[in-house]
Amino acid sequence: MSEAASTRTPVALLPSLAPLLHAWLPHQRWFAGKGHPVTGFSLVSATELLPLDGGSGPGLLHMLVRVKQPGLPAPSSQDCYQLLLGVRETLPPHLAPALIGHLAEGPLAGRTVYEGLHDPRLAELILERLRTPGALGPLRFDRFDRAPAIPASLAARPLDAEQSNSSLVYGDAYILKFFRRVHPGPNPDLELPLALARAGCDRVPVPVAWYEATSPEPYTLGVLQPFLRGSQDGWLLALDSLAAGHSFTDEARALGRVTAEVHTALAGELPTVMLRRPQTEHLADAMAQRLEAAAQAVPALLPYVPQLRAAFDALAALGSRGRAWRAQRVHGDLHLGQTLRGGGPHGDGHWSVIDFEGEPARPLGERRRPQPPVRDVAGMLRSFDYAARTHRPWNPDWAELCRTAYCEGYAEAGGDDPRAEAELLRAYETDKAVYEVVYEARHRPDWLPVPMAAIDRLAATT
């Protein structure tokens, strides 16, 4: 397929697609603007990965589309989404669940448009593009130079578990994460695993290949990594441990060591900075502002505000007295569900860390900013608490033993013992618990007692 053929999609196509996208997009799990009206679309780029006029066979259209939602605060009111659209004259019965709609007008009038990731033939074409690096219109496909060659003709299947992105598994050998809402600039889910691979850290699956948009702005669009077949999710393992009445301290200690290994490798590969008085005061002030906003949104927080704010004031006071902390690139959204046991280079018992994208709701620039490593530690400590709270009756001792073992493992692997930075750790744990309160109040009210119990505990320690 020539590049000229691949990029000649007429601009008139988007207006004809707009009615279908209006009906389809808001119902996708990965669409972030639910509950707010969509007033229009603008085309960022369109690339034919497989010609759309190929007769009875399918065509494959890659699109970056900006969705206009004035009811959302900027920049979310102009979010950009990646779409992979299959085009056929008629849709086979096995692809009926992937239907987006039938085009009544425009350049493809009379054709059927559907979610291309659900078509094995089109999904395998994407893998073929990743096997052969190079440019195709505004898209560029790249490979990691130390990774082995990607085999051809691996059967593709979509995963149904994800929400903010989509994934394809190829022959149980590779997984391709397909980013849906994309932002200009490097995505940490490619940037950080690449840095770790170059550092020789085997705790993160190596980015084997990836593809990006190069114009009009750079966007990371997809990352291919080894699929850790047979691995087990850390969250589910923790719940199984609780249900069986077993200790999880060995696993927690191992996770502490893994976290320290990842932090050490990132600090050696990417720049670090020192947070001195101005940066520390800014950090504490931002936490305090989030607390005030959260208390307005969730009145149950109001009685705790003075005690919780004391944690942030204590951090600022240390900064004003000359205390400084090292900041570096971190995972940014670390919890038990971002870890996998088994399936790695060391076989059973090997822990891996995945999903370095950070909290998707936060701006990309904020997610890429160096931060104290205890931010990740605080996230994992909160995750142990969440796991313990799912058990009936609640098992606070299980969580406390896990928290202690995790910090011990972190220190054993060469990291600074997080408990030695009590004020910093408490501030980050408090900030995380406040975030959880707002999230649960909005999305899962039945879970609100989980972070509120942490709020009660943290308020009592300040």
Protein backbone atom coordinates (compact mmCIF):
# COMPACT_ATOMS: atom_id res chain seq x y z
CA MET A 1 0.00 0.00 0.00
CA SER A 2 1.49 3.31 -1.01
CA GLU A 3 1.70 6.22 1.35
CA ALA A 4 -0.27 8.32 -1.10
CA ALA A 5 -3.10 5.82 -1.01
CA SER A 6 -2.93 5.61 2.75
CA THR A 7 -3.47 9.31 3.46
CA ARG A 8 -5.96 10.52 0.88
CA THR A 9 -9.03 10.18 3.11
CA PRO A 10 -11.23 13.17 2.22
CA VAL A 11 -12.04 15.65 4.96
CA ALA A 12 -15.69 15.23 3.95
CA LEU A 13 -15.66 11.84 5.65
CA LEU A 14 -15.87 13.26 9.20
CA PRO A 15 -19.18 15.11 8.69
CA SER A 16 -20.73 11.90 7.36
CA LEU A 17 -19.36 9.94 10.35
CA ALA A 18 -20.45 12.52 12.93
CA PRO A 19 -24.02 11.23 13.46
CA LEU A 20 -22.67 7.71 14.06
CA LEU A 21 -19.98 8.94 16.47
CA HIS A 22 -22.54 11.01 18.39
CA ALA A 23 -24.52 7.86 19.09
CA TRP A 24 -21.60 5.46 19.62
CA LEU A 25 -18.83 7.32 21.48
CA PRO A 26 -20.63 8.18 24.75
CA HIS A 27 -21.37 4.49 25.34
CA GLN A 28 -17.75 3.34 25.14
CA ARG A 29 -16.16 2.48 28.49
CA TRP A 30 -13.04 4.45 27.59
CA PHE A 31 -14.91 7.67 26.75
CA ALA A 32 -14.08 10.16 29.50
CA GLY A 33 -16.79 12.74 28.79
CA LYS A 34 -19.84 10.74 29.85
CA GLY A 35 -22.77 12.80 31.06
CA HIS A 36 -21.78 15.89 29.07
CA PRO A 37 -23.23 16.74 25.64
CA VAL A 38 -21.05 16.31 22.56
CA THR A 39 -21.51 19.35 20.32
CA GLY A 40 -19.18 18.45 17.47
CA PHE A 41 -15.97 16.90 16.18
CA SER A 42 -12.84 18.13 14.46
CA LEU A 43 -10.41 15.98 12.51
CA VAL A 44 -6.80 15.87 13.74
CA SER A 45 -5.60 13.22 11.29
CA ALA A 46 -6.90 10.34 9.17
CA THR A 47 -4.83 7.52 7.69
CA GLU A 48 -5.95 4.56 5.62
CA LEU A 49 -4.05 1.58 7.00
CA LEU A 50 -5.91 -0.59 4.49
CA PRO A 51 -7.59 1.05 1.46
CA LEU A 52 -11.25 1.83 2.00
CA ASP A 53 -12.14 1.11 -1.63
CA GLY A 54 -10.71 -2.40 -1.69
CA GLY A 55 -13.85 -4.02 -3.09
CA SER A 56 -15.61 -6.56 -0.90
CA GLY A 57 -12.73 -6.78 1.58
CA PRO A 58 -12.50 -4.62 4.70
CA GLY A 59 -10.81 -1.25 4.84
CA LEU A 60 -9.10 0.11 7.94
CA LEU A 61 -9.18 3.78 8.83
CA HIS A 62 -7.10 5.27 11.64
CA MET A 63 -8.42 8.57 12.96
CA LEU A 64 -7.54 11.10 15.63
CA VAL A 65 -10.69 13.08 16.39
CA ARG A 66 -11.13 15.98 18.76
CA VAL A 67 -14.45 15.84 20.61
CA LYS A 68 -16.09 19.13 21.54
CA GLN A 69 -17.78 19.15 24.96
CA PRO A 70 -18.12 22.76 26.16
CA GLY A 71 -19.62 21.65 29.48
CA LEU A 72 -16.24 20.26 30.60
CA PRO A 73 -13.38 22.43 31.86
CA ALA A 74 -10.49 22.99 29.46
CA PRO A 75 -8.62 21.09 28.15
CA SER A 76 -11.12 18.21 28.57
CA SER A 77 -13.65 20.19 26.53
CA GLN A 78 -11.50 19.39 23.46
CA ASP A 79 -10.25 15.87 24.23
CA CYS A 80 -8.60 13.97 21.40
CA TYR A 81 -9.51 10.29 20.85
CA GLN A 82 -7.91 7.57 18.78
CA LEU A 83 -10.34 5.56 16.63
CA LEU A 84 -9.66 2.49 14.52
CA LEU A 85 -12.59 2.04 12.16
CA GLY A 86 -13.24 -0.99 10.01
CA VAL A 87 -15.21 -0.39 6.81
CA ARG A 88 -17.12 -3.10 4.89
CA GLU A 89 -20.00 -3.33 2.47
CA THR A 90 -21.74 -5.81 4.77
CA LEU A 91 -20.82 -6.90 8.25
CA PRO A 92 -20.36 -10.66 8.90
CA PRO A 93 -22.51 -12.01 11.76
CA HIS A 94 -19.50 -12.58 14.04
CA LEU A 95 -18.71 -8.83 13.89
CA ALA A 96 -22.26 -7.66 14.61
CA PRO A 97 -21.38 -6.61 18.23
CA ALA A 98 -18.72 -4.27 16.80
CA LEU A 99 -21.19 -2.31 14.65
CA ILE A 100 -20.97 1.47 14.80
CA GLY A 101 -23.44 2.18 12.00
CA HIS A 102 -24.22 2.50 8.32
CA LEU A 103 -23.13 5.57 6.37
CA ALA A 104 -26.00 7.15 4.46
CA GLU A 105 -23.96 9.88 2.77
CA GLY A 106 -20.43 11.10 2.13
CA PRO A 107 -17.47 9.39 0.44
CA LEU A 108 -18.35 5.99 1.92
CA ALA A 109 -22.13 6.13 1.50
CA GLY A 110 -23.68 2.70 1.66
CA ARG A 111 -20.80 1.17 3.61
CA THR A 112 -20.82 -0.17 7.18
CA VAL A 113 -18.46 1.18 9.86
CA TYR A 114 -17.46 -0.87 12.91
CA GLU A 115 -14.87 -1.11 15.72
CA GLY A 116 -11.81 -2.37 13.88
CA LEU A 117 -10.11 -3.89 16.93
CA HIS A 118 -12.75 -6.64 16.99
CA ASP A 119 -11.92 -7.79 13.46
CA PRO A 120 -9.05 -10.36 13.69
CA ARG A 121 -7.98 -9.61 10.12
CA LEU A 122 -7.59 -5.90 10.82
CA ALA A 123 -6.03 -6.47 14.24
CA GLU A 124 -3.37 -8.69 12.65
CA LEU A 125 -2.64 -5.93 10.13
CA ILE A 126 -1.69 -3.62 13.03
CA LEU A 127 0.80 -6.20 14.29
CA GLU A 128 2.26 -6.46 10.78
CA ARG A 129 2.82 -2.70 10.74
CA LEU A 130 4.61 -2.97 14.11
CA ARG A 131 6.84 -5.73 12.71
CA THR A 132 8.09 -3.41 9.96
CA PRO A 133 9.07 0.00 11.39
CA GLY A 134 8.57 3.07 9.29
CA ALA A 135 6.28 6.00 8.54
CA LEU A 136 2.80 5.91 7.07
CA GLY A 137 1.45 9.40 6.59
CA PRO A 138 1.36 11.08 10.04
CA LEU A 139 1.94 7.73 11.80
CA ARG A 140 5.30 6.25 12.68
CA PHE A 141 5.91 2.64 13.78
CA ASP A 142 9.04 1.88 15.85
CA ARG A 143 10.78 -1.10 17.45
CA PHE A 144 13.01 -1.46 20.51
CA ASP A 145 16.43 -2.31 19.11
CA ARG A 146 17.20 -4.89 21.83
CA ALA A 147 13.93 -6.78 21.49
CA PRO A 148 13.73 -10.04 19.49
CA ALA A 149 11.93 -10.09 16.16
CA ILE A 150 8.13 -10.22 16.33
CA PRO A 151 6.73 -13.42 14.75
CA ALA A 152 4.24 -13.09 11.91
CA SER A 153 0.65 -14.34 11.77
CA LEU A 154 -0.21 -14.30 15.46
CA ALA A 155 -3.94 -14.61 16.08
CA ALA A 156 -5.45 -11.52 17.72
CA ARG A 157 -8.14 -11.23 20.36
CA PRO A 158 -9.38 -8.15 22.24
CA LEU A 159 -9.37 -7.95 26.02
CA ASP A 160 -12.61 -6.83 27.63
CA ALA A 161 -11.30 -5.92 31.08
CA GLU A 162 -9.90 -2.43 30.52
CA GLN A 163 -11.76 0.86 30.77
CA SER A 164 -9.60 3.86 29.92
CA ASN A 165 -7.81 2.10 27.04
CA SER A 166 -8.23 -0.96 24.81
CA SER A 167 -5.92 -3.96 24.43
CA LEU A 168 -5.26 -6.71 21.90
CA VAL A 169 -3.51 -9.98 22.74
CA TYR A 170 -1.55 -11.66 19.95
CA GLY A 171 -1.14 -15.42 20.26
CA ASP A 172 -0.69 -15.19 24.06
CA ALA A 173 2.77 -13.79 23.26
CA TYR A 174 2.22 -10.01 23.08
CA ILE A 175 -0.27 -7.43 24.28
CA LEU A 176 -0.87 -4.15 22.47
CA LYS A 177 -2.24 -1.32 24.59
CA PHE A 178 -4.23 0.99 22.36
CA PHE A 179 -4.52 4.43 24.00
CA ARG A 180 -7.95 5.99 23.50
CA ARG A 181 -7.84 9.52 24.95
CA VAL A 182 -4.47 10.83 23.82
CA HIS A 183 -2.47 13.91 24.78
CA PRO A 184 0.40 15.66 22.98
CA GLY A 185 3.79 14.57 24.24
CA PRO A 186 5.41 11.34 25.44
CA ASN A 187 3.11 8.94 27.25
CA PRO A 188 4.71 7.68 30.49
CA ASP A 189 3.44 4.18 29.68
CA LEU A 190 6.01 4.09 26.87
CA GLU A 191 8.59 6.53 28.24
CA LEU A 192 9.16 4.86 31.62
CA PRO A 193 9.20 1.18 30.53
CA LEU A 194 11.65 2.15 27.77
CA ALA A 195 13.92 3.80 30.34
CA LEU A 196 13.67 0.73 32.58
CA ALA A 197 14.44 -1.60 29.67
CA ARG A 198 17.54 0.41 28.80
CA ALA A 199 18.57 0.24 32.46
CA GLY A 200 18.25 -3.55 32.41
CA CYS A 201 15.41 -3.64 34.94
CA ASP A 202 13.36 -6.78 34.33
CA ARG A 203 10.49 -5.83 36.63
CA VAL A 204 8.54 -4.23 33.77
CA PRO A 205 7.58 -5.87 30.45
CA VAL A 206 9.83 -4.49 27.70
CA PRO A 207 8.17 -2.22 25.09
CA VAL A 208 8.84 -4.36 22.01
CA ALA A 209 7.29 -1.92 19.53
CA TRP A 210 5.08 1.15 19.50
CA TYR A 211 3.48 3.66 17.18
CA GLU A 212 2.96 7.40 17.38
CA ALA A 213 1.46 10.29 15.49
CA THR A 214 4.16 12.73 14.40
CA SER A 215 1.97 15.58 13.13
CA PRO A 216 0.32 17.97 13.65
CA GLU A 217 1.43 17.17 17.22
CA PRO A 218 3.26 14.15 18.67
CA TYR A 219 0.96 11.58 20.28
CA THR A 220 1.84 8.16 21.70
CA LEU A 221 -0.85 5.85 20.32
CA GLY A 222 0.00 2.25 21.18
CA VAL A 223 2.62 0.07 22.90
CA LEU A 224 3.33 -3.63 22.25
CA GLN A 225 4.79 -5.60 25.19
CA PRO A 226 5.21 -9.27 26.11
CA PHE A 227 2.00 -10.80 27.39
CA LEU A 228 2.68 -12.30 30.81
CA ARG A 229 0.65 -15.44 30.27
CA GLY A 230 -0.32 -17.24 33.45
CA SER A 231 0.44 -14.26 35.67
CA GLN A 232 -1.88 -13.35 38.54
CA ASP A 233 -3.14 -9.91 39.47
CA GLY A 234 -1.80 -8.68 42.83
CA TRP A 235 -5.21 -7.38 43.89
CA LEU A 236 -6.89 -10.75 43.31
CA LEU A 237 -4.05 -12.56 45.07
CA ALA A 238 -4.51 -10.31 48.09
CA LEU A 239 -8.26 -10.97 48.16
CA ASP A 240 -7.64 -14.73 47.90
CA SER A 241 -5.21 -14.47 50.82
CA LEU A 242 -7.79 -12.66 52.94
CA ALA A 243 -10.56 -15.11 52.05
CA ALA A 244 -8.35 -18.07 52.99
CA GLY A 245 -7.16 -16.44 56.22
CA HIS A 246 -3.54 -16.49 55.03
CA SER A 247 -0.78 -14.00 55.61
CA PHE A 248 0.25 -11.77 52.69
CA THR A 249 3.39 -10.39 54.30
CA ASP A 250 5.86 -12.32 52.12
CA GLU A 251 4.16 -10.98 49.01
CA ALA A 252 4.01 -7.46 50.46
CA ARG A 253 7.72 -7.56 51.31
CA ALA A 254 8.50 -8.74 47.77
CA LEU A 255 6.41 -5.92 46.34
CA GLY A 256 8.35 -3.44 48.47
CA ARG A 257 11.60 -4.74 47.01
CA VAL A 258 10.20 -4.54 43.47
CA THR A 259 9.07 -0.95 44.00
CA ALA A 260 12.52 0.04 45.26
CA GLU A 261 14.20 -1.68 42.29
CA VAL A 262 11.99 0.21 39.85
CA HIS A 263 12.58 3.53 41.62
CA THR A 264 16.35 2.98 41.69
CA ALA A 265 16.44 2.17 37.98
CA LEU A 266 14.30 5.19 37.07
CA ALA A 267 16.49 7.51 39.17
CA GLY A 268 19.58 6.20 37.41
CA GLU A 269 18.13 6.56 33.92
CA LEU A 270 16.12 9.81 34.09
CA PRO A 271 16.81 13.21 35.68
CA THR A 272 16.15 13.81 39.38
CA VAL A 273 15.61 17.11 41.18
CA MET A 274 15.53 18.36 44.75
CA LEU A 275 12.35 19.73 46.29
CA ARG A 276 13.42 22.66 48.43
CA ARG A 277 11.40 25.25 50.31
CA PRO A 278 9.47 26.81 47.37
CA GLN A 279 8.63 23.44 45.80
CA THR A 280 7.67 21.87 49.15
CA GLU A 281 5.42 24.78 50.07
CA HIS A 282 3.79 24.59 46.63
CA LEU A 283 3.27 20.84 47.06
CA ALA A 284 1.71 21.24 50.51
CA ASP A 285 -0.49 24.11 49.33
CA ALA A 286 -1.78 22.07 46.37
CA MET A 287 -2.68 19.23 48.75
CA ALA A 288 -4.48 21.64 51.06
CA GLN A 289 -6.45 23.10 48.16
CA ARG A 290 -7.53 19.63 47.06
CA LEU A 291 -8.65 18.95 50.63
CA GLU A 292 -10.77 22.12 50.75
CA ALA A 293 -12.38 21.32 47.38
CA ALA A 294 -13.02 17.72 48.46
CA ALA A 295 -14.69 18.84 51.71
CA GLN A 296 -17.07 21.04 49.73
CA ALA A 297 -17.90 18.12 47.43
CA VAL A 298 -18.22 15.53 50.24
CA PRO A 299 -19.48 17.15 53.48
CA ALA A 300 -18.52 14.05 55.49
CA LEU A 301 -14.94 15.32 55.28
CA LEU A 302 -15.67 18.68 56.91
CA PRO A 303 -15.13 17.64 60.57
CA TYR A 304 -11.70 16.26 59.67
CA VAL A 305 -10.35 19.22 57.71
CA PRO A 306 -8.33 20.88 60.54
CA GLN A 307 -6.54 17.64 61.50
CA LEU A 308 -5.91 16.61 57.89
CA ARG A 309 -4.62 20.03 56.95
CA ALA A 310 -2.14 19.74 59.82
CA ALA A 311 -0.38 16.99 57.86
CA PHE A 312 0.20 19.38 54.95
CA ASP A 313 1.20 22.23 57.26
CA ALA A 314 3.79 19.97 58.91
CA LEU A 315 5.29 19.20 55.50
CA ALA A 316 5.47 22.89 54.58
CA ALA A 317 7.04 23.69 57.96
CA LEU A 318 9.83 21.18 57.34
CA GLY A 319 10.49 22.78 53.96
CA SER A 320 10.66 26.23 55.52
CA ARG A 321 13.28 24.93 57.97
CA GLY A 322 15.50 23.78 55.11
CA ARG A 323 14.45 20.15 54.68
CA ALA A 324 14.70 18.97 51.07
CA TRP A 325 13.58 15.79 49.31
CA ARG A 326 14.76 14.09 46.14
CA ALA A 327 12.15 13.87 43.42
CA GLN A 328 12.26 11.59 40.38
CA ARG A 329 10.02 9.93 37.84
CA VAL A 330 7.66 7.48 39.54
CA HIS A 331 4.85 5.14 38.56
CA GLY A 332 2.23 7.66 39.66
CA ASP A 333 -0.70 5.29 40.20
CA LEU A 334 0.79 2.31 42.02
CA HIS A 335 -1.54 -0.18 43.68
CA LEU A 336 -2.00 -3.94 43.89
CA GLY A 337 -3.92 -4.03 40.61
CA GLN A 338 -0.84 -2.67 38.80
CA THR A 339 1.25 -5.69 39.77
CA LEU A 340 1.44 -9.22 38.36
CA ARG A 341 3.02 -12.31 39.91
CA GLY A 342 4.44 -15.07 37.72
CA GLY A 343 4.85 -15.06 33.97
CA GLY A 344 8.04 -12.95 34.14
CA PRO A 345 11.64 -13.88 33.34
CA HIS A 346 12.08 -15.63 36.70
CA GLY A 347 8.94 -17.76 36.44
CA ASP A 348 6.52 -18.28 39.32
CA GLY A 349 6.92 -15.86 42.17
CA HIS A 350 8.38 -13.07 40.02
CA TRP A 351 6.56 -9.79 40.45
CA SER A 352 6.16 -7.31 37.59
CA VAL A 353 4.82 -3.76 37.56
CA ILE A 354 2.56 -2.60 34.73
CA ASP A 355 0.58 0.44 33.55
CA PHE A 356 2.89 3.44 33.97
CA GLU A 357 0.40 5.87 32.45
CA GLY A 358 -0.32 7.46 35.84
CA GLU A 359 -3.74 8.71 36.87
CA PRO A 360 -5.45 9.31 33.48
CA ALA A 361 -7.58 12.15 34.87
CA ARG A 362 -4.50 14.25 35.67
CA PRO A 363 -2.82 16.40 32.99
CA LEU A 364 0.06 14.73 31.14
CA GLY A 365 2.54 17.39 32.26
CA GLU A 366 1.68 16.71 35.89
CA ARG A 367 2.03 12.94 35.40
CA ARG A 368 5.50 13.40 33.92
CA ARG A 369 6.72 15.69 36.71
CA PRO A 370 9.40 14.31 39.10
CA GLN A 371 7.91 13.45 42.48
CA PRO A 372 9.13 11.94 45.75
CA PRO A 373 9.19 8.12 45.55
CA VAL A 374 6.93 7.95 48.62
CA ARG A 375 4.03 8.94 46.39
CA ASP A 376 4.10 5.40 44.96
CA VAL A 377 4.62 3.95 48.43
CA ALA A 378 1.55 5.77 49.72
CA GLY A 379 -0.51 4.41 46.83
CA MET A 380 0.45 0.82 47.67
CA LEU A 381 -0.16 1.31 51.38
CA ARG A 382 -3.64 2.56 50.61
CA SER A 383 -4.18 -0.47 48.37
CA PHE A 384 -3.48 -2.87 51.25
CA ASP A 385 -6.07 -0.99 53.28
CA TYR A 386 -8.61 -1.28 50.45
CA ALA A 387 -8.02 -5.01 50.18
CA ALA A 388 -8.44 -5.55 53.92
CA ARG A 389 -11.70 -3.58 53.91
CA THR A 390 -13.25 -5.90 51.29
CA HIS A 391 -13.11 -8.73 53.81
CA ARG A 392 -15.93 -9.35 56.30
CA PRO A 393 -15.24 -8.90 59.12
CA TRP A 394 -12.72 -6.15 58.43
CA ASN A 395 -9.17 -7.30 59.07
CA PRO A 396 -7.11 -4.20 60.00
CA ASP A 397 -4.25 -6.32 61.36
CA TRP A 398 -3.79 -7.91 57.91
CA ALA A 399 -3.40 -4.47 56.35
CA GLU A 400 -1.00 -3.23 59.03
CA LEU A 401 1.23 -6.30 58.70
CA CYS A 402 1.30 -5.82 54.92
CA ARG A 403 2.15 -2.13 55.28
CA THR A 404 5.05 -2.93 57.60
CA ALA A 405 6.37 -5.74 55.40
CA TYR A 406 6.14 -3.58 52.29
CA CYS A 407 8.17 -0.77 53.86
CA GLU A 408 10.72 -3.29 55.16
CA GLY A 409 11.07 -4.81 51.70
CA TYR A 410 11.50 -1.37 50.17
CA ALA A 411 14.36 -0.60 52.60
CA GLU A 412 15.95 -4.05 52.08
CA ALA A 413 16.23 -3.39 48.33
CA GLY A 414 18.24 -0.22 48.85
CA GLY A 415 15.49 2.35 49.06
CA ASP A 416 15.16 4.77 51.96
CA ASP A 417 12.77 3.35 54.52
CA PRO A 418 9.53 5.26 53.80
CA ARG A 419 8.70 5.32 57.51
CA ALA A 420 11.79 7.46 58.11
CA GLU A 421 10.08 10.25 56.17
CA ALA A 422 6.98 10.21 58.33
CA GLU A 423 5.71 13.72 57.53
CA LEU A 424 6.11 13.28 53.78
CA LEU A 425 4.53 9.83 53.78
CA ARG A 426 1.61 10.98 55.94
CA ALA A 427 0.98 13.94 53.65
CA TYR A 428 0.89 11.74 50.55
CA GLU A 429 -1.30 9.11 52.24
CA THR A 430 -3.69 11.84 53.36
CA ASP A 431 -3.80 13.37 49.88
CA LYS A 432 -4.50 9.95 48.37
CA ALA A 433 -7.27 9.18 50.88
CA VAL A 434 -8.91 12.55 50.17
CA TYR A 435 -8.86 11.75 46.44
CA GLU A 436 -10.42 8.35 47.18
CA VAL A 437 -13.23 9.92 49.21
CA VAL A 438 -14.27 12.13 46.28
CA TYR A 439 -13.98 9.26 43.79
CA GLU A 440 -16.05 6.85 45.88
CA ALA A 441 -18.69 9.45 46.69
CA ARG A 442 -19.18 10.10 42.99
CA HIS A 443 -18.83 6.61 41.53
CA ARG A 444 -19.16 3.93 44.24
CA PRO A 445 -20.98 5.29 47.31
CA ASP A 446 -21.03 1.83 48.90
CA TRP A 447 -17.21 1.98 49.06
CA LEU A 448 -17.08 5.38 50.76
CA PRO A 449 -16.51 3.85 54.24
CA VAL A 450 -13.16 2.47 53.02
CA PRO A 451 -11.36 5.81 52.52
CA MET A 452 -13.35 7.42 55.35
CA ALA A 453 -11.87 4.89 57.78
CA ALA A 454 -8.43 5.94 56.56
CA ILE A 455 -9.37 9.59 56.97
CA ASP A 456 -10.35 8.88 60.58
CA ARG A 457 -7.05 7.11 61.23
CA LEU A 458 -4.90 9.75 59.51
CA ALA A 459 -6.67 12.60 61.29
CA ALA A 460 -5.92 10.97 64.63
CA THR A 461 -2.18 10.75 63.89
CA THR A 462 -1.63 14.43 63.05
